[in-house]
Each structure stands twice: as C-alpha cells, then as structure tokens.
C-alpha atoms as a PDB file:
ATOM      1  CA  MET A   1     -16.253  13.735  -6.167  1.00  0.00           C
ATOM      2  CA  TRP A   2     -15.864  10.164  -4.913  1.00  0.00           C
ATOM      3  CA  LEU A   3     -12.111  10.153  -5.634  1.00  0.00           C
ATOM      4  CA  ASP A   4     -11.690  12.778  -2.900  1.00  0.00           C
ATOM      5  CA  LEU A   5     -12.789  10.119  -0.396  1.00  0.00           C
ATOM      6  CA  LEU A   6     -10.348   7.508  -1.726  1.00  0.00           C
ATOM      7  CA  GLN A   7      -7.663   8.645   0.707  1.00  0.00           C
ATOM      8  CA  TRP A   8      -9.604   7.130   3.636  1.00  0.00           C
ATOM      9  CA  PRO A   9      -9.741   3.527   2.378  1.00  0.00           C
ATOM     10  CA  ALA A  10      -6.116   3.934   1.217  1.00  0.00           C
ATOM     11  CA  MET A  11      -5.140   4.933   4.740  1.00  0.00           C
ATOM     12  CA  ALA A  12      -7.136   2.089   6.313  1.00  0.00           C
ATOM     13  CA  VAL A  13      -5.616  -0.531   3.985  1.00  0.00           C
ATOM     14  CA  THR A  14      -2.127   0.804   4.726  1.00  0.00           C
ATOM     15  CA  VAL A  15      -2.671   0.603   8.488  1.00  0.00           C
ATOM     16  CA  VAL A  16      -4.004  -2.965   8.250  1.00  0.00           C
ATOM     17  CA  ALA A  17      -1.050  -3.884   6.028  1.00  0.00           C
ATOM     18  CA  ALA A  18       1.439  -2.532   8.571  1.00  0.00           C
ATOM     19  CA  TRP A  19      -0.240  -4.573  11.321  1.00  0.00           C
ATOM     20  CA  LEU A  20      -0.129  -7.747   9.222  1.00  0.00           C
ATOM     21  CA  VAL A  21       3.511  -7.294   8.195  1.00  0.00           C
ATOM     22  CA  GLY A  22       4.440  -7.224  11.881  1.00  0.00           C
ATOM     23  CA  SER A  23       3.025 -10.727  12.381  1.00  0.00           C
ATOM     24  CA  ARG A  24       5.134 -13.766  13.225  1.00  0.00           C
ATOM     25  CA  SER A  25       3.143 -15.796  10.698  1.00  0.00           C
ATOM     26  CA  ALA A  26       4.680 -15.889   7.216  1.00  0.00           C
ATOM     27  CA  HIS A  27       1.183 -16.150   5.714  1.00  0.00           C
ATOM     28  CA  ARG A  28      -0.002 -12.994   7.499  1.00  0.00           C
ATOM     29  CA  ARG A  29       3.167 -11.141   6.553  1.00  0.00           C
ATOM     30  CA  ALA A  30       2.620 -12.085   2.893  1.00  0.00           C
ATOM     31  CA  LEU A  31      -0.987 -10.904   3.142  1.00  0.00           C
ATOM     32  CA  GLY A  32       0.299  -7.652   4.633  1.00  0.00           C
ATOM     33  CA  PHE A  33       2.618  -7.058   1.692  1.00  0.00           C
ATOM     34  CA  TRP A  34      -0.272  -7.693  -0.710  1.00  0.00           C
ATOM     35  CA  CYS A  35      -2.392  -5.227   1.274  1.00  0.00           C
ATOM     36  CA  PHE A  36       0.439  -2.707   1.018  1.00  0.00           C
ATOM     37  CA  LEU A  37       0.386  -3.170  -2.768  1.00  0.00           C
ATOM     38  CA  ALA A  38      -3.385  -2.590  -2.805  1.00  0.00           C
ATOM     39  CA  GLY A  39      -2.819   0.520  -0.716  1.00  0.00           C
ATOM     40  CA  ASN A  40      -0.163   1.678  -3.185  1.00  0.00           C
ATOM     41  CA  VAL A  41      -2.713   1.413  -6.001  1.00  0.00           C
ATOM     42  CA  LEU A  42      -5.282   3.376  -3.992  1.00  0.00           C
ATOM     43  CA  TRP A  43      -2.752   6.083  -3.099  1.00  0.00           C
ATOM     44  CA  VAL A  44      -1.665   6.401  -6.724  1.00  0.00           C
ATOM     45  CA  ALA A  45      -5.289   6.834  -7.854  1.00  0.00           C
ATOM     46  CA  TRP A  46      -5.896   9.480  -5.197  1.00  0.00           C
ATOM     47  CA  GLY A  47      -2.542  11.168  -5.818  1.00  0.00           C
ATOM     48  CA  LEU A  48      -3.144  11.475  -9.544  1.00  0.00           C
ATOM     49  CA  HIS A  49      -6.616  12.869  -8.910  1.00  0.00           C
ATOM     50  CA  ASP A  50      -5.250  15.400  -6.409  1.00  0.00           C
ATOM     51  CA  SER A  51      -2.081  16.202  -8.436  1.00  0.00           C
ATOM     52  CA  ALA A  52       0.093  14.925  -5.574  1.00  0.00           C
ATOM     53  CA  TYR A  53       2.872  13.715  -7.836  1.00  0.00           C
ATOM     54  CA  ALA A  54       5.489  13.287  -5.104  1.00  0.00           C
ATOM     55  CA  LEU A  55       3.066  10.923  -3.351  1.00  0.00           C
ATOM     56  CA  VAL A  56       2.551   9.021  -6.606  1.00  0.00           C
ATOM     57  CA  ALA A  57       6.314   8.664  -7.103  1.00  0.00           C
ATOM     58  CA  LEU A  58       6.706   7.519  -3.487  1.00  0.00           C
ATOM     59  CA  GLN A  59       4.076   4.836  -4.004  1.00  0.00           C
ATOM     60  CA  PHE A  60       5.974   3.379  -6.956  1.00  0.00           C
ATOM     61  CA  PHE A  61       9.132   3.107  -4.850  1.00  0.00           C
ATOM     62  CA  LEU A  62       7.192   1.635  -1.924  1.00  0.00           C
ATOM     63  CA  ALA A  63       5.479  -0.846  -4.261  1.00  0.00           C
ATOM     64  CA  ALA A  64       8.915  -2.053  -5.376  1.00  0.00           C
ATOM     65  CA  LEU A  65       9.904  -2.529  -1.728  1.00  0.00           C
ATOM     66  CA  ASN A  66       6.653  -4.363  -1.033  1.00  0.00           C
ATOM     67  CA  ALA A  67       7.226  -6.683  -4.002  1.00  0.00           C
ATOM     68  CA  ARG A  68      10.684  -7.385  -2.561  1.00  0.00           C
ATOM     69  CA  GLY A  69       9.042  -8.107   0.793  1.00  0.00           C
ATOM     70  CA  ILE A  70       6.741 -10.660  -0.813  1.00  0.00           C
ATOM     71  CA  TYR A  71       9.734 -12.351  -2.445  1.00  0.00           C
ATOM     72  CA  LYS A  72      11.881 -12.316   0.711  1.00  0.00           C
ATOM     73  CA  ASN A  73       9.023 -13.591   2.897  1.00  0.00           C
ATOM     74  CA  GLU A  74       8.710 -16.848   0.919  1.00  0.00           C
END
C-alpha cells in the first residue's frame, strides 16, 4: 500500500526541517519549523496506518514545540 512508503518522505522532510532550523536566517528557521509541522502530519498519517501510537503521540508533542518555535522565532 502507498501509505507504507509515507515514512520516506516524512523522514526527508524532517531532515530538511532540521537543516533549516539550524540556519542563522530567521526566514529559513521559520520555514524549517513549518517543514517540521508538515513532517509531523506525515508521521501521524504513517503512524496511524502502522498502528505506531507512541509515534503518533510523540508527533503531537513535537508539533506543539514546533508551533512554539514559530512563535519564538518571530
């Protein structure tokens, strides 16, 4: 099923997000936090499909931290 492959784009988006958040540019850091949020959505979709409920719960907590990062970056 195609949802089995969703973990790969989720991983790629998360890696790109981590790289962007490490930038000195406030704009790139903000983009990184938004990428992290997109990655959170992808991980939740994959986690629900794969019954990885601890991963799903983790993504909700990380999404809250990423939303805080967006707010603090401005």
